[in-house]
N, C-alpha and C. Protein backbone atom coordinates (compact mmCIF):
# COMPACT_ATOMS: atom_id res chain seq x y z
N ALA A 1 -8.21 37.52 -4.86
CA ALA A 1 -8.56 36.26 -5.49
C ALA A 1 -7.30 35.61 -6.02
N ARG A 2 -7.31 34.30 -6.04
CA ARG A 2 -6.18 33.55 -6.58
C ARG A 2 -6.11 33.72 -8.09
N MET A 3 -4.93 33.53 -8.67
CA MET A 3 -4.74 33.58 -10.12
C MET A 3 -4.06 32.29 -10.55
N CYS A 4 -4.34 31.87 -11.78
CA CYS A 4 -3.70 30.69 -12.35
C CYS A 4 -3.12 31.03 -13.72
N ASP A 5 -2.20 30.17 -14.18
CA ASP A 5 -1.70 30.34 -15.55
C ASP A 5 -2.63 29.60 -16.50
N GLN A 6 -2.28 29.57 -17.78
CA GLN A 6 -3.15 28.93 -18.79
C GLN A 6 -3.37 27.45 -18.54
N THR A 7 -2.45 26.80 -17.86
CA THR A 7 -2.59 25.36 -17.62
C THR A 7 -3.38 25.05 -16.36
N GLY A 8 -3.74 26.10 -15.60
CA GLY A 8 -4.50 25.89 -14.37
C GLY A 8 -3.64 25.86 -13.12
N GLU A 9 -2.33 26.01 -13.28
CA GLU A 9 -1.43 26.03 -12.12
C GLU A 9 -1.56 27.38 -11.41
N GLU A 10 -1.71 27.34 -10.10
CA GLU A 10 -1.87 28.56 -9.33
C GLU A 10 -0.58 29.38 -9.32
N LEU A 11 -0.72 30.69 -9.56
CA LEU A 11 0.42 31.59 -9.49
C LEU A 11 0.64 31.97 -8.03
N SER A 12 1.87 32.03 -7.61
CA SER A 12 2.19 32.28 -6.21
C SER A 12 2.11 33.77 -5.88
N PRO A 13 1.42 34.11 -4.79
CA PRO A 13 1.37 35.51 -4.37
C PRO A 13 2.66 35.94 -3.66
N ASP A 14 3.60 35.00 -3.44
CA ASP A 14 4.81 35.28 -2.67
C ASP A 14 6.02 35.64 -3.51
N ASN A 15 5.88 35.67 -4.84
CA ASN A 15 7.02 36.04 -5.67
C ASN A 15 6.56 36.97 -6.79
N GLU A 16 7.30 37.02 -7.86
CA GLU A 16 6.99 37.94 -8.96
C GLU A 16 5.63 37.66 -9.61
N ASP A 17 5.06 36.47 -9.39
CA ASP A 17 3.76 36.14 -9.97
C ASP A 17 2.68 37.15 -9.55
N ARG A 18 2.83 37.75 -8.38
CA ARG A 18 1.80 38.68 -7.90
C ARG A 18 1.70 39.93 -8.75
N PHE A 19 2.69 40.18 -9.62
CA PHE A 19 2.68 41.36 -10.48
C PHE A 19 2.21 41.06 -11.89
N VAL A 20 1.79 39.82 -12.15
CA VAL A 20 1.35 39.41 -13.48
C VAL A 20 0.01 40.07 -13.80
N SER A 21 -0.13 40.59 -15.02
CA SER A 21 -1.37 41.23 -15.46
C SER A 21 -2.41 40.19 -15.86
N SER A 22 -3.64 40.61 -15.84
CA SER A 22 -4.76 39.77 -16.27
C SER A 22 -4.65 39.42 -17.75
N ALA A 23 -5.12 38.24 -18.09
CA ALA A 23 -5.16 37.82 -19.50
C ALA A 23 -6.03 38.77 -20.31
N CYS A 24 -6.98 39.43 -19.67
CA CYS A 24 -7.85 40.39 -20.37
C CYS A 24 -7.06 41.56 -20.94
N SER A 25 -5.92 41.87 -20.32
CA SER A 25 -5.09 42.97 -20.81
C SER A 25 -3.78 42.46 -21.40
N GLY A 26 -3.77 41.18 -21.84
CA GLY A 26 -2.59 40.62 -22.49
C GLY A 26 -1.61 39.93 -21.56
N GLY A 27 -1.92 39.86 -20.27
CA GLY A 27 -1.04 39.22 -19.30
C GLY A 27 -1.22 37.71 -19.24
N ALA A 28 -0.62 37.10 -18.23
CA ALA A 28 -0.62 35.64 -18.11
C ALA A 28 -1.45 35.12 -16.95
N ALA A 29 -2.26 35.98 -16.31
CA ALA A 29 -3.06 35.55 -15.16
C ALA A 29 -4.50 35.27 -15.60
N PHE A 30 -4.97 34.07 -15.27
CA PHE A 30 -6.31 33.62 -15.64
C PHE A 30 -7.09 33.24 -14.39
N THR A 31 -8.41 33.09 -14.54
CA THR A 31 -9.24 32.57 -13.46
C THR A 31 -8.89 31.11 -13.24
N CYS A 32 -8.76 30.71 -11.99
CA CYS A 32 -8.48 29.31 -11.68
C CYS A 32 -9.73 28.47 -11.97
N ALA A 33 -9.53 27.22 -12.35
CA ALA A 33 -10.63 26.36 -12.78
C ALA A 33 -11.71 26.20 -11.72
N ASP A 34 -11.33 26.25 -10.45
CA ASP A 34 -12.35 26.08 -9.42
C ASP A 34 -13.10 27.39 -9.12
N GLN A 35 -12.83 28.44 -9.90
CA GLN A 35 -13.54 29.70 -9.74
C GLN A 35 -14.43 30.01 -10.95
N VAL A 36 -14.58 29.08 -11.86
CA VAL A 36 -15.45 29.31 -13.01
C VAL A 36 -16.90 29.12 -12.59
N PRO A 37 -17.84 29.76 -13.28
CA PRO A 37 -19.25 29.58 -12.92
C PRO A 37 -19.65 28.11 -12.94
N MET A 38 -20.54 27.73 -12.02
CA MET A 38 -20.97 26.33 -11.96
C MET A 38 -22.46 26.23 -11.66
N VAL A 39 -23.08 25.23 -12.23
CA VAL A 39 -24.50 24.96 -12.00
C VAL A 39 -24.62 24.01 -10.82
N ASP A 40 -25.59 24.25 -9.97
CA ASP A 40 -25.87 23.38 -8.83
C ASP A 40 -26.41 22.04 -9.37
N MET A 41 -25.72 20.96 -9.10
CA MET A 41 -26.13 19.65 -9.63
C MET A 41 -27.47 19.20 -9.06
N ALA A 42 -27.81 19.64 -7.85
CA ALA A 42 -29.09 19.27 -7.24
C ALA A 42 -30.25 20.09 -7.78
N ASP A 43 -29.96 21.29 -8.30
CA ASP A 43 -31.00 22.17 -8.82
C ASP A 43 -30.46 22.94 -10.02
N PRO A 44 -30.73 22.49 -11.23
CA PRO A 44 -30.18 23.13 -12.42
C PRO A 44 -30.69 24.56 -12.67
N ASN A 45 -31.61 25.03 -11.83
CA ASN A 45 -32.08 26.41 -11.95
C ASN A 45 -31.26 27.36 -11.08
N VAL A 46 -30.22 26.83 -10.41
CA VAL A 46 -29.36 27.63 -9.54
C VAL A 46 -27.91 27.49 -10.02
N ALA A 47 -27.20 28.62 -10.05
CA ALA A 47 -25.78 28.60 -10.43
C ALA A 47 -25.01 29.54 -9.51
N TYR A 48 -23.68 29.35 -9.49
CA TYR A 48 -22.79 30.13 -8.64
C TYR A 48 -21.66 30.68 -9.50
N ALA A 49 -21.19 31.90 -9.17
CA ALA A 49 -20.12 32.52 -9.95
C ALA A 49 -19.34 33.50 -9.08
N PHE A 50 -18.21 33.94 -9.60
CA PHE A 50 -17.37 34.95 -8.96
C PHE A 50 -17.26 36.11 -9.94
N ALA A 51 -17.05 37.33 -9.41
CA ALA A 51 -16.95 38.50 -10.28
C ALA A 51 -15.97 39.51 -9.70
N ALA A 52 -15.28 40.20 -10.60
CA ALA A 52 -14.45 41.34 -10.20
C ALA A 52 -15.35 42.57 -10.18
N THR A 53 -15.31 43.31 -9.08
CA THR A 53 -16.15 44.50 -8.92
C THR A 53 -15.33 45.62 -8.32
N PRO A 54 -15.79 46.86 -8.41
CA PRO A 54 -15.10 47.93 -7.67
C PRO A 54 -15.20 47.60 -6.18
N GLY A 55 -14.09 47.26 -5.56
CA GLY A 55 -14.13 46.74 -4.20
C GLY A 55 -14.00 47.75 -3.10
N THR A 56 -13.74 49.00 -3.43
CA THR A 56 -13.58 50.02 -2.40
C THR A 56 -14.64 51.08 -2.57
N GLY A 57 -14.57 52.09 -1.75
CA GLY A 57 -15.53 53.17 -1.84
C GLY A 57 -16.75 52.89 -0.99
N PRO A 58 -17.79 53.66 -1.20
CA PRO A 58 -18.96 53.56 -0.32
C PRO A 58 -19.67 52.21 -0.39
N ARG A 59 -19.56 51.51 -1.51
CA ARG A 59 -20.27 50.23 -1.62
C ARG A 59 -19.46 49.08 -1.05
N GLY A 60 -18.14 49.15 -1.08
CA GLY A 60 -17.29 48.12 -0.49
C GLY A 60 -17.72 46.71 -0.80
N THR A 61 -17.81 46.36 -2.07
CA THR A 61 -18.40 45.08 -2.46
C THR A 61 -17.46 43.89 -2.32
N CYS A 62 -16.16 44.08 -2.19
CA CYS A 62 -15.24 42.95 -2.17
C CYS A 62 -15.61 41.97 -1.05
N GLY A 63 -15.85 40.73 -1.42
CA GLY A 63 -16.24 39.69 -0.48
C GLY A 63 -17.74 39.55 -0.32
N ALA A 64 -18.50 40.52 -0.82
CA ALA A 64 -19.96 40.47 -0.68
C ALA A 64 -20.57 39.46 -1.66
N CYS A 65 -21.73 38.94 -1.32
CA CYS A 65 -22.46 38.02 -2.19
C CYS A 65 -23.76 38.67 -2.66
N PHE A 66 -24.15 38.32 -3.87
CA PHE A 66 -25.34 38.88 -4.48
C PHE A 66 -26.20 37.76 -5.07
N GLU A 67 -27.50 37.91 -4.98
CA GLU A 67 -28.44 36.96 -5.58
C GLU A 67 -29.09 37.65 -6.77
N LEU A 68 -28.97 37.05 -7.94
CA LEU A 68 -29.60 37.57 -9.15
C LEU A 68 -30.71 36.62 -9.57
N ARG A 69 -31.92 37.14 -9.66
CA ARG A 69 -33.07 36.34 -10.09
C ARG A 69 -33.48 36.80 -11.48
N PHE A 70 -33.53 35.86 -12.40
CA PHE A 70 -33.82 36.19 -13.80
C PHE A 70 -35.32 36.08 -14.07
N THR A 71 -35.87 37.15 -14.63
CA THR A 71 -37.31 37.23 -14.88
C THR A 71 -37.70 36.74 -16.26
N GLY A 72 -36.73 36.66 -17.16
CA GLY A 72 -37.04 36.27 -18.54
C GLY A 72 -37.19 37.45 -19.47
N GLU A 73 -37.11 38.65 -18.93
CA GLU A 73 -37.22 39.85 -19.76
C GLU A 73 -35.87 40.53 -19.85
N GLY A 74 -35.48 40.91 -21.08
CA GLY A 74 -34.24 41.63 -21.29
C GLY A 74 -34.36 43.09 -20.87
N HIS A 75 -33.26 43.69 -20.51
CA HIS A 75 -33.25 45.09 -20.09
C HIS A 75 -33.61 46.02 -21.25
N TYR A 76 -33.06 45.74 -22.43
CA TYR A 76 -33.29 46.60 -23.59
C TYR A 76 -34.36 46.08 -24.53
N TRP A 77 -34.60 44.77 -24.49
CA TRP A 77 -35.59 44.16 -25.38
C TRP A 77 -36.27 43.04 -24.60
N SER A 78 -37.53 43.22 -24.27
CA SER A 78 -38.22 42.25 -23.42
C SER A 78 -38.32 40.87 -24.06
N GLY A 79 -38.26 40.80 -25.38
CA GLY A 79 -38.37 39.51 -26.07
C GLY A 79 -37.05 38.84 -26.35
N ASP A 80 -35.98 39.29 -25.72
CA ASP A 80 -34.65 38.72 -25.94
C ASP A 80 -34.65 37.22 -25.64
N PRO A 81 -34.31 36.38 -26.63
CA PRO A 81 -34.36 34.92 -26.42
C PRO A 81 -33.42 34.43 -25.32
N GLY A 82 -32.25 35.05 -25.18
CA GLY A 82 -31.33 34.65 -24.12
C GLY A 82 -31.91 34.90 -22.75
N SER A 83 -32.55 36.05 -22.59
CA SER A 83 -33.20 36.38 -21.32
C SER A 83 -34.34 35.42 -21.04
N GLN A 84 -35.09 35.07 -22.06
CA GLN A 84 -36.21 34.15 -21.88
C GLN A 84 -35.74 32.78 -21.41
N LEU A 85 -34.58 32.34 -21.92
CA LEU A 85 -34.04 31.04 -21.49
C LEU A 85 -33.63 31.03 -20.02
N LEU A 86 -33.32 32.20 -19.48
CA LEU A 86 -32.91 32.30 -18.08
C LEU A 86 -34.07 32.47 -17.11
N SER A 87 -35.27 32.60 -17.62
CA SER A 87 -36.44 32.85 -16.79
C SER A 87 -36.56 31.82 -15.66
N GLY A 88 -36.73 32.32 -14.43
CA GLY A 88 -36.91 31.44 -13.28
C GLY A 88 -35.61 30.92 -12.68
N LYS A 89 -34.47 31.30 -13.23
CA LYS A 89 -33.18 30.82 -12.71
C LYS A 89 -32.59 31.85 -11.76
N THR A 90 -31.70 31.37 -10.88
CA THR A 90 -31.05 32.23 -9.88
C THR A 90 -29.55 32.04 -9.97
N LEU A 91 -28.83 33.15 -9.89
CA LEU A 91 -27.37 33.11 -9.90
C LEU A 91 -26.87 33.80 -8.63
N TYR A 92 -26.02 33.10 -7.88
CA TYR A 92 -25.38 33.67 -6.70
C TYR A 92 -23.95 34.04 -7.09
N VAL A 93 -23.59 35.29 -6.87
CA VAL A 93 -22.28 35.81 -7.28
C VAL A 93 -21.55 36.37 -6.06
N GLN A 94 -20.26 36.01 -5.94
CA GLN A 94 -19.43 36.60 -4.90
C GLN A 94 -18.40 37.51 -5.55
N ALA A 95 -18.31 38.74 -5.07
CA ALA A 95 -17.31 39.69 -5.54
C ALA A 95 -15.98 39.32 -4.87
N THR A 96 -14.99 38.92 -5.68
CA THR A 96 -13.76 38.40 -5.12
C THR A 96 -12.56 39.31 -5.26
N ASN A 97 -12.60 40.28 -6.14
CA ASN A 97 -11.48 41.21 -6.27
C ASN A 97 -11.95 42.51 -6.88
N ILE A 98 -11.08 43.50 -6.96
CA ILE A 98 -11.52 44.82 -7.38
C ILE A 98 -11.60 44.99 -8.88
N GLY A 99 -10.88 44.21 -9.67
CA GLY A 99 -11.00 44.28 -11.11
C GLY A 99 -10.49 45.56 -11.74
N TYR A 100 -10.16 46.57 -10.97
CA TYR A 100 -9.64 47.84 -11.46
C TYR A 100 -10.49 48.47 -12.53
N ASP A 101 -11.83 48.44 -12.38
CA ASP A 101 -12.69 49.09 -13.35
C ASP A 101 -13.34 50.26 -12.77
């Protein structure tokens, strides 16, 4: 996946920028603005996002797409208000990098 700096400028994979750590670990690499989650303007019940996942091994998720359908029930608490607000919505997620987790 591409990386950007804090201003949104893409970091080059052809020089030292490719060794920059993620902002999550104190580095200077951020998600590029065109890779942030977005709601479908034609259908506000549909959204699209990107995610870092374990990209190797038996599941080999890197590049795969997933459809998440929200039922309105929380995993740990069925009455979770955040889960209820998502009821009936769908999120499409593409695994774009390994995330090293």
